[in-house]
Amino acid sequence: MALNITVTSTAAGFLSVYPAAATRPGSSSLNYRANLTVANAAVVTLGTGNQVSIYNSNADVVARTHVDVTGYFRAAGASTAGSVYVPLTPARIATQAVTAGTSVPIAPLGKGGVPSADVSAVLAHVTATSETPGWMSVYPDGVDRPGTSTVNYQNDPAYTNQVTATLGSNGQFRVYTTQDITLVVDIIGY
């Protein structure tokens, strides 16, 4: 299951996301800092009851956590619908300024090793650099913007998240931002 996890907390810690009823791994899925909203993508195998477990390392605080399902992968040989993932050598396909409160189209088809047709989604690293804290959302072109964030950024170094960007019928996805940003998009698969 491909997930985007967002957390806000009053103290630092980390979350581990793993298959339900499985042994908790010794690694983190998302590291968070006090009084910041942080997001990260994770791909997790479903466990007992087709569920995942979330462990919070800091038992002394509540970490407000939001989990968005961004996609899924089918088992090899499965007869259910789904797509095959093709990894690519990372390739930068966009670097541009985006004005607060607007969205821009990103057209990945035919760029960075992505075929020019027959692609329903791309896997990308999206990066925001801003002088003002805010968030951005990645979504298919031609549909209403969701109310969920993909990257939450602050007014310091660049903030990146891995996204599964579903393409609209025109082969594009959109990036919306709440503040002025410099946007960078690197394609890593489709």
N, C-alpha and C. Protein backbone atom coordinates (compact mmCIF):
# COMPACT_ATOMS: atom_id res chain seq x y z
N MET A 1 0.84 -1.15 0.00
CA MET A 1 0.00 0.00 0.00
C MET A 1 0.90 1.23 0.00
N ALA A 2 0.65 2.18 -0.88
CA ALA A 2 1.40 3.44 -0.91
C ALA A 2 0.64 4.46 -0.08
N LEU A 3 1.32 5.04 0.91
CA LEU A 3 0.70 5.96 1.85
C LEU A 3 1.46 7.27 1.89
N ASN A 4 0.75 8.35 2.22
CA ASN A 4 1.39 9.61 2.58
C ASN A 4 0.99 9.88 4.03
N ILE A 5 1.97 10.02 4.90
CA ILE A 5 1.73 10.18 6.33
C ILE A 5 2.12 11.59 6.72
N THR A 6 1.23 12.28 7.44
CA THR A 6 1.48 13.64 7.91
C THR A 6 1.31 13.67 9.41
N VAL A 7 2.23 14.32 10.12
CA VAL A 7 2.16 14.38 11.58
C VAL A 7 2.49 15.79 12.08
N THR A 8 1.79 16.19 13.15
CA THR A 8 2.09 17.41 13.90
C THR A 8 2.16 17.03 15.36
N SER A 9 3.19 17.52 16.07
CA SER A 9 3.36 17.17 17.48
C SER A 9 4.03 18.33 18.22
N THR A 10 3.90 18.33 19.53
CA THR A 10 4.54 19.35 20.36
C THR A 10 5.95 18.96 20.78
N ALA A 11 6.39 17.78 20.42
CA ALA A 11 7.73 17.31 20.74
C ALA A 11 8.27 16.49 19.58
N ALA A 12 9.56 16.21 19.59
CA ALA A 12 10.19 15.44 18.52
C ALA A 12 9.99 13.94 18.72
N GLY A 13 10.08 13.19 17.64
CA GLY A 13 9.97 11.74 17.69
C GLY A 13 9.97 11.15 16.31
N PHE A 14 9.53 9.90 16.20
CA PHE A 14 9.40 9.29 14.88
C PHE A 14 8.22 8.33 14.88
N LEU A 15 7.71 8.05 13.69
CA LEU A 15 6.67 7.06 13.49
C LEU A 15 7.25 5.92 12.68
N SER A 16 6.86 4.70 13.01
CA SER A 16 7.15 3.52 12.20
C SER A 16 5.83 2.97 11.71
N VAL A 17 5.71 2.75 10.41
CA VAL A 17 4.50 2.18 9.82
C VAL A 17 4.88 0.80 9.31
N TYR A 18 4.08 -0.22 9.68
CA TYR A 18 4.45 -1.60 9.35
C TYR A 18 3.19 -2.46 9.29
N PRO A 19 3.28 -3.68 8.73
CA PRO A 19 2.10 -4.55 8.61
C PRO A 19 1.49 -4.86 9.99
N ALA A 20 0.17 -4.77 10.10
CA ALA A 20 -0.51 -5.08 11.36
C ALA A 20 -0.16 -6.49 11.81
N ALA A 21 0.07 -6.65 13.11
CA ALA A 21 0.39 -7.93 13.77
C ALA A 21 1.81 -8.42 13.46
N ALA A 22 2.59 -7.65 12.73
CA ALA A 22 3.99 -8.02 12.45
C ALA A 22 4.89 -7.41 13.53
N THR A 23 6.10 -7.89 13.62
CA THR A 23 7.07 -7.33 14.54
C THR A 23 7.45 -5.93 14.07
N ARG A 24 7.44 -4.97 14.98
CA ARG A 24 7.77 -3.59 14.64
C ARG A 24 9.23 -3.52 14.20
N PRO A 25 9.49 -2.84 13.06
CA PRO A 25 10.88 -2.71 12.59
C PRO A 25 11.65 -1.72 13.45
N GLY A 26 12.95 -1.76 13.35
CA GLY A 26 13.80 -0.84 14.10
C GLY A 26 14.07 0.44 13.34
N SER A 27 13.31 0.71 12.30
CA SER A 27 13.52 1.91 11.49
C SER A 27 12.30 2.82 11.54
N SER A 28 12.50 4.06 11.14
CA SER A 28 11.41 5.02 11.13
C SER A 28 10.86 5.19 9.72
N SER A 29 9.57 5.54 9.64
CA SER A 29 8.95 5.89 8.37
C SER A 29 8.88 7.40 8.21
N LEU A 30 8.86 8.11 9.34
CA LEU A 30 8.76 9.56 9.34
C LEU A 30 9.36 10.08 10.63
N ASN A 31 10.25 11.05 10.54
CA ASN A 31 10.84 11.71 11.70
C ASN A 31 10.20 13.08 11.82
N TYR A 32 9.75 13.45 13.02
CA TYR A 32 9.10 14.74 13.19
C TYR A 32 9.79 15.56 14.27
N ARG A 33 9.60 16.89 14.15
CA ARG A 33 10.17 17.84 15.11
C ARG A 33 9.04 18.56 15.82
N ALA A 34 9.35 19.17 16.93
CA ALA A 34 8.36 19.88 17.72
C ALA A 34 7.74 21.04 16.94
N ASN A 35 6.43 21.13 17.02
CA ASN A 35 5.66 22.26 16.49
C ASN A 35 5.79 22.47 14.98
N LEU A 36 6.08 21.42 14.25
CA LEU A 36 6.12 21.46 12.78
C LEU A 36 5.21 20.38 12.23
N THR A 37 4.63 20.64 11.07
CA THR A 37 3.87 19.62 10.37
C THR A 37 4.79 19.02 9.32
N VAL A 38 4.95 17.69 9.36
CA VAL A 38 5.89 16.99 8.48
C VAL A 38 5.16 15.87 7.76
N ALA A 39 5.47 15.66 6.49
CA ALA A 39 4.86 14.58 5.71
C ALA A 39 5.95 13.72 5.08
N ASN A 40 5.63 12.44 4.86
CA ASN A 40 6.54 11.55 4.16
C ASN A 40 5.73 10.42 3.54
N ALA A 41 6.23 9.88 2.46
CA ALA A 41 5.59 8.75 1.80
C ALA A 41 6.17 7.45 2.34
N ALA A 42 5.34 6.40 2.34
CA ALA A 42 5.79 5.08 2.76
C ALA A 42 5.04 4.04 1.95
N VAL A 43 5.73 2.96 1.61
CA VAL A 43 5.10 1.81 0.96
C VAL A 43 5.16 0.68 1.98
N VAL A 44 3.97 0.17 2.36
CA VAL A 44 3.87 -0.80 3.45
C VAL A 44 3.02 -1.98 2.99
N THR A 45 3.47 -3.19 3.30
CA THR A 45 2.67 -4.39 3.05
C THR A 45 1.53 -4.43 4.05
N LEU A 46 0.35 -4.78 3.60
CA LEU A 46 -0.78 -4.92 4.52
C LEU A 46 -0.59 -6.15 5.38
N GLY A 47 -1.01 -6.05 6.64
CA GLY A 47 -0.89 -7.16 7.57
C GLY A 47 -2.25 -7.77 7.87
N THR A 48 -2.38 -8.33 9.07
CA THR A 48 -3.61 -8.97 9.51
C THR A 48 -4.79 -8.02 9.32
N GLY A 49 -5.88 -8.54 8.76
CA GLY A 49 -7.08 -7.73 8.53
C GLY A 49 -6.89 -6.66 7.47
N ASN A 50 -5.88 -6.82 6.60
CA ASN A 50 -5.57 -5.82 5.57
C ASN A 50 -5.34 -4.44 6.18
N GLN A 51 -4.60 -4.40 7.28
CA GLN A 51 -4.34 -3.16 8.00
C GLN A 51 -2.84 -2.95 8.20
N VAL A 52 -2.49 -1.71 8.58
CA VAL A 52 -1.12 -1.37 8.97
C VAL A 52 -1.15 -0.89 10.42
N SER A 53 -0.01 -0.96 11.08
CA SER A 53 0.15 -0.44 12.43
C SER A 53 1.05 0.78 12.38
N ILE A 54 0.82 1.74 13.29
CA ILE A 54 1.65 2.93 13.39
C ILE A 54 2.16 3.03 14.82
N TYR A 55 3.48 3.06 14.97
CA TYR A 55 4.13 3.18 16.27
C TYR A 55 4.67 4.60 16.43
N ASN A 56 4.38 5.25 17.56
CA ASN A 56 4.90 6.58 17.88
C ASN A 56 6.01 6.40 18.91
N SER A 57 7.22 6.85 18.60
CA SER A 57 8.36 6.66 19.49
C SER A 57 8.28 7.50 20.76
N ASN A 58 7.52 8.59 20.72
CA ASN A 58 7.44 9.48 21.88
C ASN A 58 6.09 9.27 22.57
N ALA A 59 6.07 8.38 23.55
CA ALA A 59 4.83 8.02 24.24
C ALA A 59 4.32 9.14 25.14
N ASP A 60 5.13 10.19 25.36
CA ASP A 60 4.72 11.28 26.24
C ASP A 60 3.86 12.33 25.56
N VAL A 61 3.74 12.29 24.25
CA VAL A 61 2.97 13.30 23.53
C VAL A 61 2.04 12.65 22.51
N VAL A 62 1.02 13.39 22.15
CA VAL A 62 0.12 12.96 21.08
C VAL A 62 0.68 13.50 19.77
N ALA A 63 0.86 12.63 18.82
CA ALA A 63 1.31 13.02 17.49
C ALA A 63 0.08 12.94 16.59
N ARG A 64 -0.51 14.10 16.26
CA ARG A 64 -1.69 14.10 15.37
C ARG A 64 -1.25 13.59 14.01
N THR A 65 -1.81 12.48 13.61
CA THR A 65 -1.36 11.78 12.41
C THR A 65 -2.50 11.64 11.40
N HIS A 66 -2.20 11.95 10.15
CA HIS A 66 -3.13 11.77 9.04
C HIS A 66 -2.49 10.80 8.05
N VAL A 67 -3.25 9.83 7.58
CA VAL A 67 -2.73 8.86 6.63
C VAL A 67 -3.61 8.90 5.39
N ASP A 68 -3.00 9.19 4.24
CA ASP A 68 -3.70 9.21 2.96
C ASP A 68 -3.20 8.04 2.12
N VAL A 69 -4.11 7.26 1.55
CA VAL A 69 -3.75 6.19 0.63
C VAL A 69 -3.54 6.82 -0.74
N THR A 70 -2.34 6.63 -1.30
CA THR A 70 -2.03 7.22 -2.59
C THR A 70 -1.95 6.21 -3.73
N GLY A 71 -2.00 4.92 -3.39
CA GLY A 71 -1.96 3.89 -4.43
C GLY A 71 -1.74 2.53 -3.82
N TYR A 72 -1.67 1.52 -4.69
CA TYR A 72 -1.42 0.16 -4.23
C TYR A 72 -0.69 -0.59 -5.32
N PHE A 73 -0.09 -1.69 -4.92
CA PHE A 73 0.61 -2.55 -5.86
C PHE A 73 -0.04 -3.91 -5.80
N ARG A 74 -0.18 -4.56 -6.92
CA ARG A 74 -0.78 -5.90 -6.93
C ARG A 74 0.32 -6.95 -6.79
N ALA A 75 -0.07 -8.07 -6.25
CA ALA A 75 0.88 -9.17 -6.11
C ALA A 75 1.21 -9.73 -7.49
N ALA A 76 2.42 -10.23 -7.65
CA ALA A 76 2.83 -10.83 -8.92
C ALA A 76 1.87 -11.95 -9.27
N GLY A 77 1.37 -11.94 -10.49
CA GLY A 77 0.46 -12.98 -10.96
C GLY A 77 -0.99 -12.76 -10.55
N ALA A 78 -1.28 -11.67 -9.85
CA ALA A 78 -2.66 -11.41 -9.40
C ALA A 78 -3.53 -11.07 -10.60
N SER A 79 -4.80 -11.44 -10.51
CA SER A 79 -5.72 -11.17 -11.62
C SER A 79 -6.47 -9.86 -11.40
N THR A 80 -6.22 -9.16 -10.30
CA THR A 80 -6.90 -7.89 -10.05
C THR A 80 -6.22 -6.77 -10.83
N ALA A 81 -6.98 -5.69 -11.00
CA ALA A 81 -6.45 -4.54 -11.73
C ALA A 81 -5.29 -3.93 -10.97
N GLY A 82 -4.41 -3.31 -11.68
CA GLY A 82 -3.26 -2.65 -11.08
C GLY A 82 -2.22 -2.42 -12.15
N SER A 83 -1.15 -1.78 -11.80
CA SER A 83 -0.11 -1.45 -12.76
C SER A 83 1.21 -2.08 -12.35
N VAL A 84 2.09 -2.19 -13.31
CA VAL A 84 3.44 -2.68 -13.08
C VAL A 84 4.33 -1.46 -12.89
N TYR A 85 5.20 -1.49 -11.88
CA TYR A 85 6.10 -0.37 -11.60
C TYR A 85 7.41 -0.55 -12.36
N VAL A 86 7.87 0.54 -13.00
CA VAL A 86 9.13 0.54 -13.73
C VAL A 86 10.03 1.61 -13.12
N PRO A 87 11.11 1.21 -12.42
CA PRO A 87 12.02 2.20 -11.83
C PRO A 87 12.87 2.86 -12.91
N LEU A 88 13.26 4.12 -12.65
CA LEU A 88 14.09 4.88 -13.57
C LEU A 88 15.26 5.50 -12.82
N THR A 89 16.30 5.83 -13.55
CA THR A 89 17.35 6.66 -12.98
C THR A 89 16.73 8.04 -12.75
N PRO A 90 16.86 8.61 -11.54
CA PRO A 90 16.22 9.90 -11.28
C PRO A 90 16.57 10.95 -12.34
N ALA A 91 15.55 11.69 -12.77
CA ALA A 91 15.73 12.73 -13.79
C ALA A 91 14.88 13.94 -13.43
N ARG A 92 15.50 15.10 -13.42
CA ARG A 92 14.79 16.35 -13.13
C ARG A 92 14.00 16.76 -14.35
N ILE A 93 12.67 16.94 -14.18
CA ILE A 93 11.83 17.33 -15.31
C ILE A 93 11.22 18.72 -15.13
N ALA A 94 11.36 19.31 -13.94
CA ALA A 94 10.81 20.65 -13.73
C ALA A 94 11.54 21.35 -12.59
N THR A 95 11.82 22.63 -12.81
CA THR A 95 12.28 23.55 -11.78
C THR A 95 11.62 24.88 -12.12
N GLN A 96 10.73 25.35 -11.26
CA GLN A 96 10.02 26.57 -11.58
C GLN A 96 9.46 27.24 -10.34
N ALA A 97 9.23 28.54 -10.44
CA ALA A 97 8.58 29.30 -9.37
C ALA A 97 7.07 29.09 -9.49
N VAL A 98 6.43 28.93 -8.33
CA VAL A 98 4.97 28.79 -8.29
C VAL A 98 4.45 29.81 -7.28
N THR A 99 3.45 30.58 -7.68
CA THR A 99 2.88 31.64 -6.86
C THR A 99 1.88 31.09 -5.86
N ALA A 100 1.87 31.67 -4.66
CA ALA A 100 0.96 31.26 -3.59
C ALA A 100 -0.48 31.21 -4.07
N GLY A 101 -1.21 30.15 -3.69
CA GLY A 101 -2.62 30.02 -4.01
C GLY A 101 -2.92 29.59 -5.44
N THR A 102 -1.88 29.14 -6.16
CA THR A 102 -2.09 28.69 -7.54
C THR A 102 -1.59 27.27 -7.71
N SER A 103 -1.95 26.67 -8.85
CA SER A 103 -1.42 25.36 -9.19
C SER A 103 -0.81 25.43 -10.58
N VAL A 104 0.16 24.54 -10.82
CA VAL A 104 0.81 24.48 -12.13
C VAL A 104 0.73 23.05 -12.65
N PRO A 105 0.60 22.89 -13.97
CA PRO A 105 0.61 21.54 -14.54
C PRO A 105 2.04 21.05 -14.72
N ILE A 106 2.22 19.75 -14.49
CA ILE A 106 3.51 19.09 -14.75
C ILE A 106 3.23 17.98 -15.75
N ALA A 107 3.97 17.98 -16.85
CA ALA A 107 3.76 17.03 -17.94
C ALA A 107 4.94 16.07 -18.03
N PRO A 108 4.87 14.90 -17.36
CA PRO A 108 6.02 13.99 -17.33
C PRO A 108 6.16 13.06 -18.53
N LEU A 109 5.10 12.90 -19.34
CA LEU A 109 5.17 11.94 -20.45
C LEU A 109 6.26 12.33 -21.44
N GLY A 110 7.08 11.34 -21.80
CA GLY A 110 8.16 11.58 -22.76
C GLY A 110 9.38 12.25 -22.16
N LYS A 111 9.43 12.39 -20.82
CA LYS A 111 10.57 13.05 -20.17
C LYS A 111 11.20 12.11 -19.15
N GLY A 112 12.51 12.19 -18.99
CA GLY A 112 13.20 11.46 -17.94
C GLY A 112 13.07 9.95 -18.00
N GLY A 113 12.80 9.40 -19.18
CA GLY A 113 12.64 7.96 -19.33
C GLY A 113 11.21 7.48 -19.26
N VAL A 114 10.25 8.39 -19.00
CA VAL A 114 8.83 8.02 -18.97
C VAL A 114 8.34 7.92 -20.42
N PRO A 115 7.65 6.83 -20.78
CA PRO A 115 7.11 6.73 -22.14
C PRO A 115 6.16 7.89 -22.45
N SER A 116 5.92 8.14 -23.71
CA SER A 116 5.05 9.25 -24.11
C SER A 116 3.57 8.87 -24.09
N ALA A 117 3.24 7.61 -23.78
CA ALA A 117 1.83 7.18 -23.73
C ALA A 117 1.71 5.95 -22.83
N ASP A 118 0.48 5.59 -22.51
CA ASP A 118 0.16 4.37 -21.74
C ASP A 118 0.78 4.36 -20.35
N VAL A 119 0.81 5.52 -19.68
CA VAL A 119 1.30 5.64 -18.31
C VAL A 119 0.17 6.26 -17.49
N SER A 120 -0.18 5.63 -16.37
CA SER A 120 -1.28 6.15 -15.55
C SER A 120 -0.80 6.94 -14.34
N ALA A 121 0.45 6.74 -13.93
CA ALA A 121 1.00 7.46 -12.77
C ALA A 121 2.51 7.44 -12.84
N VAL A 122 3.13 8.41 -12.16
CA VAL A 122 4.58 8.45 -12.04
C VAL A 122 4.95 8.51 -10.57
N LEU A 123 6.13 8.01 -10.26
CA LEU A 123 6.69 8.15 -8.92
C LEU A 123 7.72 9.26 -9.02
N ALA A 124 7.61 10.25 -8.13
CA ALA A 124 8.47 11.43 -8.22
C ALA A 124 8.86 11.92 -6.84
N HIS A 125 9.97 12.64 -6.80
CA HIS A 125 10.33 13.41 -5.62
C HIS A 125 9.94 14.84 -5.95
N VAL A 126 9.09 15.45 -5.10
CA VAL A 126 8.73 16.85 -5.27
C VAL A 126 9.36 17.62 -4.12
N THR A 127 9.97 18.76 -4.44
CA THR A 127 10.70 19.56 -3.46
C THR A 127 10.18 20.98 -3.50
N ALA A 128 9.98 21.56 -2.31
CA ALA A 128 9.56 22.96 -2.19
C ALA A 128 10.59 23.71 -1.37
N THR A 129 10.97 24.89 -1.86
CA THR A 129 11.81 25.82 -1.10
C THR A 129 11.02 27.12 -1.01
N SER A 130 10.87 27.65 0.22
CA SER A 130 10.04 28.83 0.42
C SER A 130 10.59 29.68 1.54
N GLU A 131 10.26 30.96 1.53
CA GLU A 131 10.61 31.85 2.63
C GLU A 131 9.49 31.91 3.66
N THR A 132 8.34 31.25 3.38
CA THR A 132 7.18 31.28 4.25
C THR A 132 6.67 29.86 4.45
N PRO A 133 6.37 29.43 5.68
CA PRO A 133 5.82 28.10 5.90
C PRO A 133 4.49 27.91 5.16
N GLY A 134 4.27 26.70 4.67
CA GLY A 134 3.03 26.39 3.95
C GLY A 134 3.00 24.92 3.57
N TRP A 135 2.18 24.60 2.58
CA TRP A 135 2.08 23.22 2.11
C TRP A 135 1.73 23.20 0.64
N MET A 136 2.01 22.05 0.01
CA MET A 136 1.60 21.87 -1.39
C MET A 136 0.93 20.52 -1.53
N SER A 137 0.13 20.41 -2.58
CA SER A 137 -0.63 19.20 -2.86
C SER A 137 -0.40 18.79 -4.31
N VAL A 138 -0.21 17.49 -4.54
CA VAL A 138 -0.02 16.94 -5.88
C VAL A 138 -1.25 16.11 -6.21
N TYR A 139 -1.84 16.33 -7.40
CA TYR A 139 -3.08 15.64 -7.76
C TYR A 139 -3.22 15.58 -9.28
N PRO A 140 -4.09 14.68 -9.80
CA PRO A 140 -4.25 14.55 -11.25
C PRO A 140 -4.82 15.83 -11.87
N ASP A 141 -4.33 16.20 -13.04
CA ASP A 141 -4.89 17.33 -13.75
C ASP A 141 -6.33 16.99 -14.17
N GLY A 142 -7.21 17.98 -14.10
CA GLY A 142 -8.59 17.78 -14.53
C GLY A 142 -9.54 17.34 -13.43
N VAL A 143 -9.05 17.21 -12.19
CA VAL A 143 -9.93 16.87 -11.07
C VAL A 143 -9.81 17.97 -10.01
N ASP A 144 -10.78 18.00 -9.10
CA ASP A 144 -10.75 18.98 -8.02
C ASP A 144 -9.55 18.73 -7.12
N ARG A 145 -8.93 19.81 -6.64
CA ARG A 145 -7.81 19.70 -5.73
C ARG A 145 -8.27 19.10 -4.41
N PRO A 146 -7.55 18.10 -3.91
CA PRO A 146 -7.91 17.51 -2.62
C PRO A 146 -7.53 18.46 -1.48
N GLY A 147 -8.09 18.23 -0.32
CA GLY A 147 -7.77 19.05 0.84
C GLY A 147 -6.62 18.50 1.64
N THR A 148 -5.81 17.64 1.04
CA THR A 148 -4.69 17.02 1.75
C THR A 148 -3.37 17.57 1.24
N SER A 149 -2.36 17.54 2.11
CA SER A 149 -1.04 18.03 1.74
C SER A 149 -0.16 16.87 1.29
N THR A 150 0.78 17.18 0.42
CA THR A 150 1.79 16.22 -0.02
C THR A 150 3.14 16.57 0.61
N VAL A 151 3.45 17.85 0.64
CA VAL A 151 4.67 18.34 1.29
C VAL A 151 4.29 19.52 2.17
N ASN A 152 4.71 19.49 3.42
CA ASN A 152 4.58 20.61 4.35
C ASN A 152 5.96 21.21 4.49
N TYR A 153 6.09 22.52 4.23
CA TYR A 153 7.41 23.13 4.22
C TYR A 153 7.48 24.30 5.20
N GLN A 154 8.70 24.59 5.61
CA GLN A 154 8.99 25.71 6.51
C GLN A 154 9.83 26.72 5.75
N ASN A 155 10.26 27.77 6.44
CA ASN A 155 11.06 28.82 5.79
C ASN A 155 12.55 28.57 6.01
N ASP A 156 12.97 27.35 5.79
CA ASP A 156 14.39 27.00 5.86
C ASP A 156 14.69 26.03 4.74
N PRO A 157 15.68 25.17 4.83
CA PRO A 157 16.08 24.37 3.67
C PRO A 157 14.91 23.67 2.96
N ALA A 158 15.20 23.16 1.80
CA ALA A 158 14.20 22.52 0.95
C ALA A 158 13.54 21.33 1.64
N TYR A 159 12.25 21.15 1.38
CA TYR A 159 11.48 20.02 1.91
C TYR A 159 11.03 19.15 0.74
N THR A 160 11.26 17.84 0.86
CA THR A 160 10.99 16.89 -0.21
C THR A 160 10.09 15.78 0.28
N ASN A 161 9.26 15.26 -0.62
CA ASN A 161 8.49 14.05 -0.34
C ASN A 161 8.41 13.24 -1.63
N GLN A 162 8.34 11.94 -1.48
CA GLN A 162 8.13 11.05 -2.63
C GLN A 162 6.63 10.93 -2.83
N VAL A 163 6.18 11.06 -4.08
CA VAL A 163 4.75 10.99 -4.36
C VAL A 163 4.47 10.01 -5.50
N THR A 164 3.32 9.38 -5.41
CA THR A 164 2.76 8.64 -6.53
C THR A 164 1.77 9.60 -7.16
N ALA A 165 2.13 10.18 -8.29
CA ALA A 165 1.31 11.20 -8.94
C ALA A 165 0.48 10.56 -10.04
N THR A 166 -0.81 10.43 -9.78
CA THR A 166 -1.73 9.93 -10.80
C THR A 166 -1.88 11.00 -11.87
N LEU A 167 -1.86 10.57 -13.12
CA LEU A 167 -1.97 11.51 -14.24
C LEU A 167 -3.42 11.68 -14.64
N GLY A 168 -3.76 12.91 -15.04
CA GLY A 168 -5.09 13.17 -15.58
C GLY A 168 -5.20 12.61 -16.99
N SER A 169 -6.37 12.75 -17.59
CA SER A 169 -6.59 12.19 -18.92
C SER A 169 -5.67 12.82 -19.97
N ASN A 170 -5.11 13.98 -19.67
CA ASN A 170 -4.18 14.63 -20.59
C ASN A 170 -2.72 14.27 -20.32
N GLY A 171 -2.47 13.33 -19.37
CA GLY A 171 -1.12 12.89 -19.07
C GLY A 171 -0.35 13.81 -18.14
N GLN A 172 -1.06 14.69 -17.43
CA GLN A 172 -0.40 15.65 -16.55
C GLN A 172 -0.91 15.51 -15.11
N PHE A 173 -0.09 16.01 -14.17
CA PHE A 173 -0.57 16.19 -12.81
C PHE A 173 -0.33 17.65 -12.44
N ARG A 174 -0.96 18.09 -11.35
CA ARG A 174 -0.85 19.48 -10.92
C ARG A 174 -0.19 19.56 -9.55
N VAL A 175 0.45 20.69 -9.30
CA VAL A 175 1.02 20.98 -7.99
C VAL A 175 0.45 22.33 -7.54
N TYR A 176 -0.25 22.30 -6.39
CA TYR A 176 -0.83 23.49 -5.78
C TYR A 176 0.01 23.86 -4.56
N THR A 177 0.19 25.15 -4.31
CA THR A 177 0.93 25.60 -3.14
C THR A 177 0.21 26.74 -2.44
N THR A 178 0.35 26.77 -1.11
CA THR A 178 -0.27 27.84 -0.33
C THR A 178 0.62 29.08 -0.23
N GLN A 179 1.91 28.94 -0.54
CA GLN A 179 2.87 30.06 -0.47
C GLN A 179 3.74 30.05 -1.72
N ASP A 180 4.42 31.16 -1.97
CA ASP A 180 5.37 31.21 -3.09
C ASP A 180 6.47 30.18 -2.84
N ILE A 181 6.76 29.37 -3.84
CA ILE A 181 7.81 28.35 -3.71
C ILE A 181 8.64 28.27 -4.98
N THR A 182 9.80 27.67 -4.84
CA THR A 182 10.53 27.14 -5.98
C THR A 182 10.24 25.64 -5.95
N LEU A 183 9.68 25.13 -7.02
CA LEU A 183 9.29 23.73 -7.13
C LEU A 183 10.30 22.97 -7.96
N VAL A 184 10.69 21.78 -7.49
CA VAL A 184 11.56 20.90 -8.25
C VAL A 184 10.86 19.55 -8.31
N VAL A 185 10.82 18.94 -9.51
CA VAL A 185 10.21 17.63 -9.69
C VAL A 185 11.23 16.70 -10.34
N ASP A 186 11.56 15.60 -9.64
CA ASP A 186 12.46 14.57 -10.16
C ASP A 186 11.66 13.28 -10.34
N ILE A 187 11.65 12.73 -11.54
CA ILE A 187 10.95 11.49 -11.83
C ILE A 187 11.86 10.32 -11.45
N ILE A 188 11.30 9.30 -10.75
CA ILE A 188 12.09 8.14 -10.37
C ILE A 188 11.45 6.83 -10.83
N GLY A 189 10.27 6.90 -11.44
CA GLY A 189 9.63 5.69 -11.94
C GLY A 189 8.24 5.98 -12.47
N TYR A 190 7.62 4.94 -13.05
CA TYR A 190 6.23 5.07 -13.54
C TYR A 190 5.53 3.73 -13.46
